[in-house]
Amino acid sequence: MGTTAATNEATPRVSNNPTENLTAMHLFLTRGVIAIAWAAVFAASADSLTVGVGVLLVLYPLIDAIASLIDARSQHGSARQLLLANAAVSAAAAVALGVAATGSKANVLVVFGVWAFVTGAAQLVVVLRRRAQLGNQWPLLLANGVSVIGGVVFIAGSTADDPKLRMLAIYAATGGTEFVVQAWLLARRRRRLASLPARS
């Protein structure tokens, strides 16, 4: 559910590069606000699989794919490869959700669940690697942990007699909020770093 970067350094250290921090802050904030807006619209229309709901389902993983591609531009090595792979998986999920939306709610929950689990697990790894760049990032650790758990919940929920799609809105709103919190933490840290005296 989130986009991340990584470092090749063996010993983590917190980066004070203002450009890196500002880019990540803007990306997280934008990603979070869009996710929250998506959740609000989806929650208001998810009673049945209409064409509009199908379009929203396709859009959500596409948002993640685009964010991963943007993040990958500033990365190198395994971090870049993982972000590009995540973008490809999310793009494939968008296509699969478009197909599933022509079928049943159960199909949608299975596809969304598999995507949430796979991308959440992969991005947990990348979040841990990016500690040297942006610190511990506990909101993103939480967001991607929720993504892994949510994936399992969605797949299990698909077996219900009357599967509910509204749980996807809760998932998106939760992840979006965590991205916004992460952006706020980066902004606060950026201000703190700016207030430190320059090293000679």
N, C-alpha and C. Protein backbone atom coordinates (compact mmCIF):
# COMPACT_ATOMS: atom_id res chain seq x y z
N MET A 1 0.82 -1.18 0.00
CA MET A 1 0.00 0.00 0.00
C MET A 1 0.86 1.23 0.00
N GLY A 2 2.14 1.26 0.11
CA GLY A 2 2.95 2.41 0.16
C GLY A 2 4.06 2.33 -0.77
N THR A 3 4.82 3.43 -1.14
CA THR A 3 5.98 3.42 -2.01
C THR A 3 7.18 3.75 -1.19
N THR A 4 8.35 3.15 -1.55
CA THR A 4 9.50 3.28 -0.68
C THR A 4 10.79 3.37 -1.45
N ALA A 5 11.87 3.67 -0.75
CA ALA A 5 13.20 3.73 -1.33
C ALA A 5 14.15 2.93 -0.47
N ALA A 6 15.41 2.78 -0.88
CA ALA A 6 16.34 1.94 -0.12
C ALA A 6 17.74 2.48 -0.24
N THR A 7 18.65 1.83 0.51
CA THR A 7 20.05 2.24 0.47
C THR A 7 20.92 1.01 0.41
N ASN A 8 22.10 1.15 -0.17
CA ASN A 8 23.03 0.04 -0.26
C ASN A 8 24.04 0.04 0.86
N GLU A 9 23.96 1.02 1.77
CA GLU A 9 24.92 1.08 2.86
C GLU A 9 24.68 -0.03 3.86
N ALA A 10 25.76 -0.60 4.37
CA ALA A 10 25.63 -1.70 5.33
C ALA A 10 25.20 -1.18 6.69
N THR A 11 25.70 0.01 7.07
CA THR A 11 25.36 0.57 8.37
C THR A 11 24.36 1.70 8.20
N PRO A 12 23.13 1.56 8.73
CA PRO A 12 22.14 2.60 8.53
C PRO A 12 22.57 3.91 9.17
N ARG A 13 22.31 5.00 8.47
CA ARG A 13 22.46 6.32 9.04
C ARG A 13 21.36 7.19 8.47
N VAL A 14 20.85 8.11 9.27
CA VAL A 14 19.76 8.94 8.83
C VAL A 14 20.29 10.01 7.89
N SER A 15 19.71 10.08 6.70
CA SER A 15 20.13 11.06 5.73
C SER A 15 19.55 12.42 6.07
N ASN A 16 20.36 13.47 5.85
CA ASN A 16 19.84 14.82 6.04
C ASN A 16 19.78 15.56 4.71
N ASN A 17 19.71 14.82 3.61
CA ASN A 17 19.60 15.41 2.29
C ASN A 17 18.22 16.06 2.16
N PRO A 18 18.15 17.40 2.07
CA PRO A 18 16.85 18.07 2.04
C PRO A 18 16.03 17.73 0.81
N THR A 19 16.70 17.49 -0.33
CA THR A 19 15.98 17.16 -1.56
C THR A 19 15.30 15.81 -1.44
N GLU A 20 16.04 14.80 -0.91
CA GLU A 20 15.46 13.47 -0.71
C GLU A 20 14.26 13.54 0.21
N ASN A 21 14.42 14.23 1.33
CA ASN A 21 13.34 14.31 2.31
C ASN A 21 12.13 15.03 1.75
N LEU A 22 12.35 16.13 1.01
CA LEU A 22 11.24 16.89 0.46
C LEU A 22 10.48 16.10 -0.59
N THR A 23 11.21 15.39 -1.45
CA THR A 23 10.57 14.58 -2.48
C THR A 23 9.72 13.48 -1.85
N ALA A 24 10.29 12.79 -0.87
CA ALA A 24 9.55 11.72 -0.19
C ALA A 24 8.34 12.28 0.54
N MET A 25 8.50 13.43 1.18
CA MET A 25 7.39 14.04 1.92
C MET A 25 6.23 14.35 0.98
N HIS A 26 6.51 14.96 -0.17
CA HIS A 26 5.46 15.29 -1.13
C HIS A 26 4.80 14.03 -1.69
N LEU A 27 5.61 13.01 -1.96
CA LEU A 27 5.07 11.78 -2.51
C LEU A 27 4.14 11.11 -1.51
N PHE A 28 4.56 11.01 -0.24
CA PHE A 28 3.74 10.38 0.78
C PHE A 28 2.45 11.15 1.02
N LEU A 29 2.56 12.49 1.07
CA LEU A 29 1.38 13.30 1.32
C LEU A 29 0.36 13.17 0.19
N THR A 30 0.84 13.24 -1.03
CA THR A 30 -0.05 13.10 -2.19
C THR A 30 -0.69 11.73 -2.22
N ARG A 31 0.13 10.71 -2.01
CA ARG A 31 -0.37 9.32 -2.01
C ARG A 31 -1.43 9.14 -0.93
N GLY A 32 -1.19 9.69 0.25
CA GLY A 32 -2.13 9.53 1.35
C GLY A 32 -3.45 10.24 1.11
N VAL A 33 -3.38 11.47 0.63
CA VAL A 33 -4.61 12.23 0.38
C VAL A 33 -5.46 11.57 -0.71
N ILE A 34 -4.80 11.09 -1.76
CA ILE A 34 -5.54 10.41 -2.83
C ILE A 34 -6.21 9.14 -2.31
N ALA A 35 -5.50 8.38 -1.48
CA ALA A 35 -6.06 7.15 -0.92
C ALA A 35 -7.28 7.45 -0.05
N ILE A 36 -7.20 8.49 0.75
CA ILE A 36 -8.33 8.85 1.62
C ILE A 36 -9.53 9.29 0.77
N ALA A 37 -9.26 10.09 -0.27
CA ALA A 37 -10.34 10.52 -1.16
C ALA A 37 -10.97 9.33 -1.87
N TRP A 38 -10.13 8.41 -2.32
CA TRP A 38 -10.64 7.19 -2.98
C TRP A 38 -11.53 6.41 -2.03
N ALA A 39 -11.09 6.28 -0.80
CA ALA A 39 -11.86 5.52 0.19
C ALA A 39 -13.24 6.14 0.41
N ALA A 40 -13.29 7.47 0.48
CA ALA A 40 -14.57 8.15 0.70
C ALA A 40 -15.53 7.91 -0.45
N VAL A 41 -15.02 8.03 -1.68
CA VAL A 41 -15.88 7.82 -2.86
C VAL A 41 -16.30 6.36 -2.95
N PHE A 42 -15.36 5.45 -2.69
CA PHE A 42 -15.67 4.02 -2.81
C PHE A 42 -16.69 3.59 -1.76
N ALA A 43 -16.54 4.09 -0.55
CA ALA A 43 -17.46 3.71 0.53
C ALA A 43 -18.89 4.14 0.21
N ALA A 44 -19.03 5.23 -0.53
CA ALA A 44 -20.36 5.75 -0.86
C ALA A 44 -21.01 5.01 -2.02
N SER A 45 -20.24 4.17 -2.70
CA SER A 45 -20.79 3.55 -3.92
C SER A 45 -20.56 2.05 -4.03
N ALA A 46 -20.09 1.41 -2.95
CA ALA A 46 -19.65 0.01 -3.04
C ALA A 46 -20.73 -1.01 -2.73
N ASP A 47 -21.99 -0.61 -2.76
CA ASP A 47 -23.05 -1.56 -2.46
C ASP A 47 -23.18 -2.64 -3.52
N SER A 48 -22.87 -2.29 -4.76
CA SER A 48 -22.97 -3.26 -5.85
C SER A 48 -21.86 -3.01 -6.86
N LEU A 49 -21.62 -3.99 -7.71
CA LEU A 49 -20.55 -3.89 -8.70
C LEU A 49 -21.05 -3.15 -9.94
N THR A 50 -21.11 -1.84 -9.84
CA THR A 50 -21.48 -1.02 -10.99
C THR A 50 -20.23 -0.73 -11.82
N VAL A 51 -20.43 -0.09 -12.97
CA VAL A 51 -19.30 0.30 -13.80
C VAL A 51 -18.40 1.27 -13.05
N GLY A 52 -19.03 2.20 -12.33
CA GLY A 52 -18.26 3.17 -11.57
C GLY A 52 -17.39 2.52 -10.50
N VAL A 53 -17.93 1.53 -9.81
CA VAL A 53 -17.16 0.81 -8.80
C VAL A 53 -16.01 0.06 -9.46
N GLY A 54 -16.28 -0.51 -10.63
CA GLY A 54 -15.22 -1.21 -11.36
C GLY A 54 -14.07 -0.27 -11.73
N VAL A 55 -14.42 0.94 -12.15
CA VAL A 55 -13.39 1.92 -12.50
C VAL A 55 -12.56 2.28 -11.26
N LEU A 56 -13.23 2.48 -10.13
CA LEU A 56 -12.51 2.80 -8.88
C LEU A 56 -11.58 1.66 -8.49
N LEU A 57 -12.03 0.43 -8.65
CA LEU A 57 -11.19 -0.72 -8.31
C LEU A 57 -9.94 -0.77 -9.17
N VAL A 58 -10.07 -0.43 -10.44
CA VAL A 58 -8.91 -0.42 -11.33
C VAL A 58 -7.96 0.72 -10.97
N LEU A 59 -8.52 1.86 -10.58
CA LEU A 59 -7.71 3.04 -10.29
C LEU A 59 -6.80 2.85 -9.09
N TYR A 60 -7.27 2.13 -8.06
CA TYR A 60 -6.49 2.09 -6.82
C TYR A 60 -5.10 1.48 -7.00
N PRO A 61 -4.97 0.30 -7.59
CA PRO A 61 -3.61 -0.22 -7.79
C PRO A 61 -2.81 0.60 -8.81
N LEU A 62 -3.50 1.27 -9.74
CA LEU A 62 -2.78 2.12 -10.68
C LEU A 62 -2.13 3.30 -9.96
N ILE A 63 -2.80 3.81 -8.93
CA ILE A 63 -2.22 4.88 -8.11
C ILE A 63 -0.92 4.40 -7.49
N ASP A 64 -0.95 3.18 -6.97
CA ASP A 64 0.25 2.61 -6.35
C ASP A 64 1.35 2.39 -7.38
N ALA A 65 0.96 1.95 -8.58
CA ALA A 65 1.94 1.72 -9.64
C ALA A 65 2.63 3.03 -10.02
N ILE A 66 1.86 4.09 -10.18
CA ILE A 66 2.43 5.38 -10.55
C ILE A 66 3.35 5.90 -9.46
N ALA A 67 2.93 5.77 -8.20
CA ALA A 67 3.75 6.23 -7.08
C ALA A 67 5.07 5.45 -7.03
N SER A 68 5.01 4.15 -7.29
CA SER A 68 6.23 3.34 -7.29
C SER A 68 7.19 3.77 -8.40
N LEU A 69 6.65 4.09 -9.57
CA LEU A 69 7.48 4.53 -10.68
C LEU A 69 8.15 5.87 -10.35
N ILE A 70 7.40 6.78 -9.74
CA ILE A 70 7.97 8.07 -9.35
C ILE A 70 9.09 7.87 -8.34
N ASP A 71 8.84 7.02 -7.36
CA ASP A 71 9.85 6.75 -6.33
C ASP A 71 11.09 6.09 -6.92
N ALA A 72 10.89 5.22 -7.90
CA ALA A 72 12.00 4.47 -8.49
C ALA A 72 12.98 5.37 -9.24
N ARG A 73 12.52 6.54 -9.68
CA ARG A 73 13.39 7.42 -10.46
C ARG A 73 14.61 7.88 -9.66
N SER A 74 14.48 7.97 -8.35
CA SER A 74 15.58 8.45 -7.52
C SER A 74 16.34 7.32 -6.84
N GLN A 75 16.06 6.08 -7.22
CA GLN A 75 16.69 4.93 -6.58
C GLN A 75 17.63 4.20 -7.53
N HIS A 76 18.45 3.34 -6.96
CA HIS A 76 19.41 2.57 -7.75
C HIS A 76 19.47 1.14 -7.23
N GLY A 77 20.00 0.25 -8.03
CA GLY A 77 20.24 -1.13 -7.61
C GLY A 77 18.97 -1.88 -7.27
N SER A 78 19.04 -2.66 -6.19
CA SER A 78 17.93 -3.53 -5.81
C SER A 78 16.68 -2.74 -5.42
N ALA A 79 16.88 -1.54 -4.87
CA ALA A 79 15.73 -0.72 -4.49
C ALA A 79 14.92 -0.34 -5.72
N ARG A 80 15.61 0.09 -6.74
CA ARG A 80 14.93 0.47 -7.98
C ARG A 80 14.22 -0.73 -8.60
N GLN A 81 14.90 -1.87 -8.61
CA GLN A 81 14.31 -3.08 -9.18
C GLN A 81 13.05 -3.49 -8.43
N LEU A 82 13.09 -3.40 -7.11
CA LEU A 82 11.93 -3.79 -6.32
C LEU A 82 10.76 -2.84 -6.56
N LEU A 83 11.04 -1.56 -6.66
CA LEU A 83 9.98 -0.59 -6.91
C LEU A 83 9.38 -0.78 -8.31
N LEU A 84 10.22 -1.06 -9.29
CA LEU A 84 9.71 -1.32 -10.63
C LEU A 84 8.88 -2.60 -10.67
N ALA A 85 9.33 -3.61 -9.92
CA ALA A 85 8.56 -4.85 -9.84
C ALA A 85 7.21 -4.60 -9.18
N ASN A 86 7.22 -3.78 -8.14
CA ASN A 86 5.97 -3.44 -7.46
C ASN A 86 5.01 -2.73 -8.41
N ALA A 87 5.55 -1.82 -9.23
CA ALA A 87 4.72 -1.11 -10.20
C ALA A 87 4.11 -2.10 -11.20
N ALA A 88 4.91 -3.07 -11.64
CA ALA A 88 4.41 -4.06 -12.59
C ALA A 88 3.31 -4.92 -11.97
N VAL A 89 3.52 -5.33 -10.71
CA VAL A 89 2.51 -6.14 -10.01
C VAL A 89 1.21 -5.34 -9.84
N SER A 90 1.34 -4.07 -9.49
CA SER A 90 0.15 -3.24 -9.30
C SER A 90 -0.59 -3.02 -10.62
N ALA A 91 0.16 -2.84 -11.70
CA ALA A 91 -0.48 -2.68 -13.01
C ALA A 91 -1.22 -3.95 -13.41
N ALA A 92 -0.62 -5.11 -13.13
CA ALA A 92 -1.28 -6.38 -13.41
C ALA A 92 -2.52 -6.54 -12.55
N ALA A 93 -2.43 -6.09 -11.29
CA ALA A 93 -3.58 -6.17 -10.39
C ALA A 93 -4.73 -5.30 -10.89
N ALA A 94 -4.41 -4.14 -11.47
CA ALA A 94 -5.44 -3.27 -12.01
C ALA A 94 -6.21 -3.97 -13.12
N VAL A 95 -5.48 -4.65 -14.00
CA VAL A 95 -6.13 -5.39 -15.08
C VAL A 95 -6.99 -6.52 -14.51
N ALA A 96 -6.42 -7.25 -13.55
CA ALA A 96 -7.14 -8.38 -12.95
C ALA A 96 -8.40 -7.90 -12.22
N LEU A 97 -8.33 -6.75 -11.56
CA LEU A 97 -9.50 -6.22 -10.86
C LEU A 97 -10.57 -5.77 -11.86
N GLY A 98 -10.14 -5.25 -13.00
CA GLY A 98 -11.10 -4.89 -14.04
C GLY A 98 -11.87 -6.09 -14.52
N VAL A 99 -11.18 -7.22 -14.67
CA VAL A 99 -11.84 -8.46 -15.07
C VAL A 99 -12.73 -8.98 -13.95
N ALA A 100 -12.20 -8.98 -12.71
CA ALA A 100 -12.96 -9.49 -11.57
C ALA A 100 -14.24 -8.69 -11.33
N ALA A 101 -14.18 -7.39 -11.61
CA ALA A 101 -15.35 -6.53 -11.38
C ALA A 101 -16.51 -6.86 -12.31
N THR A 102 -16.24 -7.59 -13.38
CA THR A 102 -17.32 -8.01 -14.28
C THR A 102 -17.97 -9.29 -13.78
N GLY A 103 -17.38 -9.85 -12.72
CA GLY A 103 -17.91 -11.10 -12.17
C GLY A 103 -18.63 -10.89 -10.86
N SER A 104 -17.96 -11.23 -9.76
CA SER A 104 -18.62 -11.18 -8.44
C SER A 104 -17.76 -10.41 -7.44
N LYS A 105 -18.39 -10.05 -6.32
CA LYS A 105 -17.67 -9.39 -5.23
C LYS A 105 -16.60 -10.32 -4.67
N ALA A 106 -16.89 -11.61 -4.64
CA ALA A 106 -15.91 -12.57 -4.13
C ALA A 106 -14.64 -12.55 -4.98
N ASN A 107 -14.81 -12.50 -6.30
CA ASN A 107 -13.66 -12.45 -7.18
C ASN A 107 -12.82 -11.20 -6.93
N VAL A 108 -13.51 -10.08 -6.73
CA VAL A 108 -12.82 -8.82 -6.46
C VAL A 108 -12.00 -8.91 -5.19
N LEU A 109 -12.59 -9.46 -4.14
CA LEU A 109 -11.90 -9.55 -2.85
C LEU A 109 -10.68 -10.47 -2.94
N VAL A 110 -10.77 -11.55 -3.70
CA VAL A 110 -9.63 -12.45 -3.84
C VAL A 110 -8.48 -11.75 -4.56
N VAL A 111 -8.79 -11.10 -5.67
CA VAL A 111 -7.74 -10.42 -6.44
C VAL A 111 -7.12 -9.29 -5.62
N PHE A 112 -7.97 -8.47 -4.99
CA PHE A 112 -7.47 -7.36 -4.18
C PHE A 112 -6.65 -7.90 -3.01
N GLY A 113 -7.09 -9.00 -2.41
CA GLY A 113 -6.39 -9.59 -1.29
C GLY A 113 -5.01 -10.09 -1.66
N VAL A 114 -4.90 -10.77 -2.78
CA VAL A 114 -3.60 -11.27 -3.24
C VAL A 114 -2.66 -10.09 -3.51
N TRP A 115 -3.17 -9.07 -4.19
CA TRP A 115 -2.35 -7.89 -4.49
C TRP A 115 -1.89 -7.20 -3.20
N ALA A 116 -2.80 -6.99 -2.25
CA ALA A 116 -2.45 -6.32 -1.00
C ALA A 116 -1.39 -7.11 -0.24
N PHE A 117 -1.52 -8.41 -0.22
CA PHE A 117 -0.56 -9.25 0.51
C PHE A 117 0.82 -9.18 -0.13
N VAL A 118 0.88 -9.36 -1.45
CA VAL A 118 2.17 -9.40 -2.14
C VAL A 118 2.89 -8.06 -2.06
N THR A 119 2.18 -6.98 -2.38
CA THR A 119 2.83 -5.67 -2.37
C THR A 119 3.16 -5.21 -0.95
N GLY A 120 2.29 -5.54 0.00
CA GLY A 120 2.57 -5.18 1.38
C GLY A 120 3.83 -5.85 1.90
N ALA A 121 3.99 -7.14 1.60
CA ALA A 121 5.17 -7.88 2.04
C ALA A 121 6.44 -7.33 1.40
N ALA A 122 6.37 -7.06 0.09
CA ALA A 122 7.55 -6.54 -0.62
C ALA A 122 7.94 -5.17 -0.09
N GLN A 123 6.96 -4.31 0.16
CA GLN A 123 7.26 -2.95 0.59
C GLN A 123 7.71 -2.90 2.05
N LEU A 124 7.34 -3.89 2.84
CA LEU A 124 7.89 -3.98 4.20
C LEU A 124 9.41 -4.10 4.14
N VAL A 125 9.89 -4.90 3.21
CA VAL A 125 11.34 -5.08 3.06
C VAL A 125 12.00 -3.76 2.68
N VAL A 126 11.37 -3.04 1.74
CA VAL A 126 11.97 -1.80 1.27
C VAL A 126 11.93 -0.72 2.36
N VAL A 127 10.87 -0.69 3.14
CA VAL A 127 10.78 0.28 4.24
C VAL A 127 11.92 0.05 5.22
N LEU A 128 12.21 -1.19 5.52
CA LEU A 128 13.30 -1.50 6.44
C LEU A 128 14.64 -1.05 5.87
N ARG A 129 14.81 -1.18 4.57
CA ARG A 129 16.07 -0.78 3.94
C ARG A 129 16.23 0.74 3.91
N ARG A 130 15.15 1.48 3.87
CA ARG A 130 15.25 2.92 3.71
C ARG A 130 15.45 3.66 5.03
N ARG A 131 15.68 2.92 6.10
CA ARG A 131 15.91 3.58 7.39
C ARG A 131 17.07 4.56 7.31
N ALA A 132 18.09 4.26 6.51
CA ALA A 132 19.24 5.14 6.40
C ALA A 132 18.86 6.47 5.75
N GLN A 133 17.82 6.45 4.93
CA GLN A 133 17.43 7.67 4.22
C GLN A 133 16.43 8.50 5.02
N LEU A 134 15.45 7.83 5.61
CA LEU A 134 14.34 8.57 6.21
C LEU A 134 14.00 8.13 7.63
N GLY A 135 14.84 7.35 8.27
CA GLY A 135 14.55 6.93 9.63
C GLY A 135 13.72 5.66 9.69
N ASN A 136 13.13 5.40 10.84
CA ASN A 136 12.41 4.14 11.06
C ASN A 136 11.07 4.04 10.34
N GLN A 137 10.42 5.17 10.08
CA GLN A 137 9.17 5.20 9.32
C GLN A 137 8.10 4.26 9.88
N TRP A 138 7.82 4.37 11.17
CA TRP A 138 6.86 3.44 11.76
C TRP A 138 5.48 3.52 11.10
N PRO A 139 5.00 4.69 10.60
CA PRO A 139 3.69 4.67 9.94
C PRO A 139 3.66 3.78 8.70
N LEU A 140 4.77 3.76 7.93
CA LEU A 140 4.79 2.92 6.74
C LEU A 140 4.99 1.45 7.10
N LEU A 141 5.73 1.19 8.16
CA LEU A 141 5.81 -0.20 8.63
C LEU A 141 4.43 -0.70 9.01
N LEU A 142 3.68 0.15 9.71
CA LEU A 142 2.32 -0.22 10.11
C LEU A 142 1.43 -0.38 8.89
N ALA A 143 1.53 0.55 7.93
CA ALA A 143 0.68 0.51 6.73
C ALA A 143 0.89 -0.77 5.95
N ASN A 144 2.15 -1.15 5.76
CA ASN A 144 2.43 -2.35 4.98
C ASN A 144 2.13 -3.63 5.76
N GLY A 145 2.28 -3.56 7.09
CA GLY A 145 1.85 -4.70 7.91
C GLY A 145 0.35 -4.90 7.80
N VAL A 146 -0.40 -3.79 7.83
CA VAL A 146 -1.85 -3.86 7.66
C VAL A 146 -2.21 -4.39 6.28
N SER A 147 -1.41 -4.05 5.28
CA SER A 147 -1.65 -4.54 3.93
C SER A 147 -1.54 -6.06 3.86
N VAL A 148 -0.51 -6.59 4.50
CA VAL A 148 -0.34 -8.05 4.51
C VAL A 148 -1.51 -8.72 5.23
N ILE A 149 -1.86 -8.21 6.41
CA ILE A 149 -2.98 -8.79 7.16
C ILE A 149 -4.28 -8.59 6.41
N GLY A 150 -4.46 -7.39 5.84
CA GLY A 150 -5.67 -7.11 5.08
C GLY A 150 -5.84 -8.05 3.91
N GLY A 151 -4.75 -8.39 3.24
CA GLY A 151 -4.84 -9.32 2.13
C GLY A 151 -5.44 -10.65 2.54
N VAL A 152 -4.99 -11.15 3.68
CA VAL A 152 -5.53 -12.41 4.20
C VAL A 152 -7.01 -12.26 4.55
N VAL A 153 -7.35 -11.14 5.18
CA VAL A 153 -8.75 -10.89 5.57
C VAL A 153 -9.66 -10.81 4.34
N PHE A 154 -9.19 -10.15 3.28
CA PHE A 154 -10.02 -10.03 2.08
C PHE A 154 -10.27 -11.39 1.44
N ILE A 155 -9.22 -12.19 1.38
CA ILE A 155 -9.38 -13.53 0.78
C ILE A 155 -10.35 -14.35 1.61
N ALA A 156 -10.21 -14.28 2.93
CA ALA A 156 -11.14 -15.01 3.80
C ALA A 156 -12.56 -14.46 3.66
N GLY A 157 -12.68 -13.13 3.55
CA GLY A 157 -14.00 -12.52 3.42
C GLY A 157 -14.70 -12.88 2.13
N SER A 158 -13.95 -13.27 1.12
CA SER A 158 -14.56 -13.63 -0.17
C SER A 158 -15.41 -14.89 -0.08
N THR A 159 -15.21 -15.67 0.99
CA THR A 159 -15.96 -16.92 1.14
C THR A 159 -17.30 -16.72 1.84
N ALA A 160 -17.58 -15.50 2.28
CA ALA A 160 -18.85 -15.22 2.96
C ALA A 160 -20.02 -15.33 1.97
N ASP A 161 -21.21 -15.56 2.52
CA ASP A 161 -22.40 -15.65 1.66
C ASP A 161 -22.67 -14.34 0.93
N ASP A 162 -22.40 -13.24 1.61
CA ASP A 162 -22.61 -11.92 1.00
C ASP A 162 -21.37 -11.07 1.24
N PRO A 163 -20.33 -11.24 0.42
CA PRO A 163 -19.07 -10.50 0.63
C PRO A 163 -19.30 -8.99 0.60
N LYS A 164 -18.58 -8.28 1.45
CA LYS A 164 -18.72 -6.84 1.54
C LYS A 164 -17.48 -6.15 0.98
N LEU A 165 -17.71 -5.25 0.04
CA LEU A 165 -16.59 -4.52 -0.56
C LEU A 165 -16.19 -3.30 0.26
N ARG A 166 -17.03 -2.86 1.18
CA ARG A 166 -16.73 -1.66 1.95
C ARG A 166 -15.45 -1.80 2.78
N MET A 167 -15.06 -3.02 3.07
CA MET A 167 -13.82 -3.20 3.84
C MET A 167 -12.61 -2.69 3.07
N LEU A 168 -12.72 -2.62 1.75
CA LEU A 168 -11.62 -2.07 0.95
C LEU A 168 -11.46 -0.57 1.21
N ALA A 169 -12.58 0.10 1.47
CA ALA A 169 -12.52 1.53 1.78
C ALA A 169 -11.83 1.76 3.11
N ILE A 170 -12.10 0.91 4.08
CA ILE A 170 -11.45 1.03 5.39
C ILE A 170 -9.95 0.81 5.23
N TYR A 171 -9.59 -0.17 4.44
CA TYR A 171 -8.18 -0.47 4.16
C TYR A 171 -7.48 0.73 3.54
N ALA A 172 -8.10 1.32 2.52
CA ALA A 172 -7.49 2.45 1.82
C ALA A 172 -7.39 3.68 2.72
N ALA A 173 -8.43 3.93 3.51
CA ALA A 173 -8.42 5.10 4.40
C ALA A 173 -7.34 4.95 5.48
N THR A 174 -7.20 3.74 6.00
CA THR A 174 -6.17 3.48 7.01
C THR A 174 -4.78 3.70 6.44
N GLY A 175 -4.52 3.12 5.27
CA GLY A 175 -3.22 3.30 4.63
C GLY A 175 -2.95 4.74 4.28
N GLY A 176 -3.98 5.43 3.77
CA GLY A 176 -3.81 6.83 3.41
C GLY A 176 -3.46 7.69 4.60
N THR A 177 -4.13 7.43 5.72
CA THR A 177 -3.84 8.18 6.94
C THR A 177 -2.41 7.97 7.39
N GLU A 178 -1.92 6.74 7.28
CA GLU A 178 -0.55 6.45 7.69
C GLU A 178 0.47 7.13 6.77
N PHE A 179 0.15 7.27 5.49
CA PHE A 179 1.02 8.00 4.58
C PHE A 179 1.07 9.48 4.95
N VAL A 180 -0.09 10.04 5.29
CA VAL A 180 -0.14 11.45 5.68
C VAL A 180 0.67 11.67 6.96
N VAL A 181 0.53 10.76 7.92
CA VAL A 181 1.31 10.87 9.17
C VAL A 181 2.80 10.80 8.87
N GLN A 182 3.19 9.89 7.98
CA GLN A 182 4.60 9.79 7.62
C GLN A 182 5.10 11.08 6.99
N ALA A 183 4.29 11.69 6.13
CA ALA A 183 4.68 12.96 5.52
C ALA A 183 4.85 14.04 6.58
N TRP A 184 3.96 14.05 7.55
CA TRP A 184 4.06 15.03 8.64
C TRP A 184 5.34 14.82 9.44
N LEU A 185 5.67 13.56 9.72
CA LEU A 185 6.90 13.27 10.47
C LEU A 185 8.14 13.72 9.69
N LEU A 186 8.11 13.51 8.39
CA LEU A 186 9.24 13.95 7.57
C LEU A 186 9.35 15.48 7.56
N ALA A 187 8.20 16.15 7.49
CA ALA A 187 8.22 17.62 7.51
C ALA A 187 8.78 18.13 8.84
N ARG A 188 8.38 17.49 9.92
CA ARG A 188 8.88 17.89 11.24
C ARG A 188 10.38 17.65 11.34
N ARG A 189 10.84 16.51 10.84
CA ARG A 189 12.26 16.21 10.90
C ARG A 189 13.06 17.15 10.01
N ARG A 190 12.46 17.50 8.87
CA ARG A 190 13.13 18.43 7.96
C ARG A 190 13.33 19.80 8.62
N ARG A 191 12.32 20.25 9.35
CA ARG A 191 12.45 21.52 10.07
C ARG A 191 13.51 21.43 11.15
N ARG A 192 13.56 20.28 11.83
CA ARG A 192 14.55 20.09 12.89
C ARG A 192 15.96 20.09 12.32
N LEU A 193 16.16 19.42 11.19
CA LEU A 193 17.48 19.38 10.57
C LEU A 193 17.88 20.77 10.08
N ALA A 194 16.90 21.52 9.59
CA ALA A 194 17.21 22.86 9.08
C ALA A 194 17.62 23.80 10.21
N SER A 195 17.18 23.50 11.43
CA SER A 195 17.50 24.37 12.55
C SER A 195 18.86 24.05 13.17
N LEU A 196 19.45 22.92 12.77
CA LEU A 196 20.76 22.56 13.33
C LEU A 196 21.86 23.42 12.72
N PRO A 197 22.88 23.76 13.50
CA PRO A 197 23.98 24.55 12.94
C PRO A 197 24.74 23.76 11.88
N ALA A 198 25.17 24.43 10.84
CA ALA A 198 25.90 23.77 9.75
C ALA A 198 27.25 23.29 10.26
N ARG A 199 27.62 22.08 9.77
CA ARG A 199 28.93 21.53 10.14
C ARG A 199 30.03 22.17 9.29
N SER A 200 31.13 22.44 9.94
CA SER A 200 32.26 23.06 9.22
C SER A 200 33.07 21.97 8.52
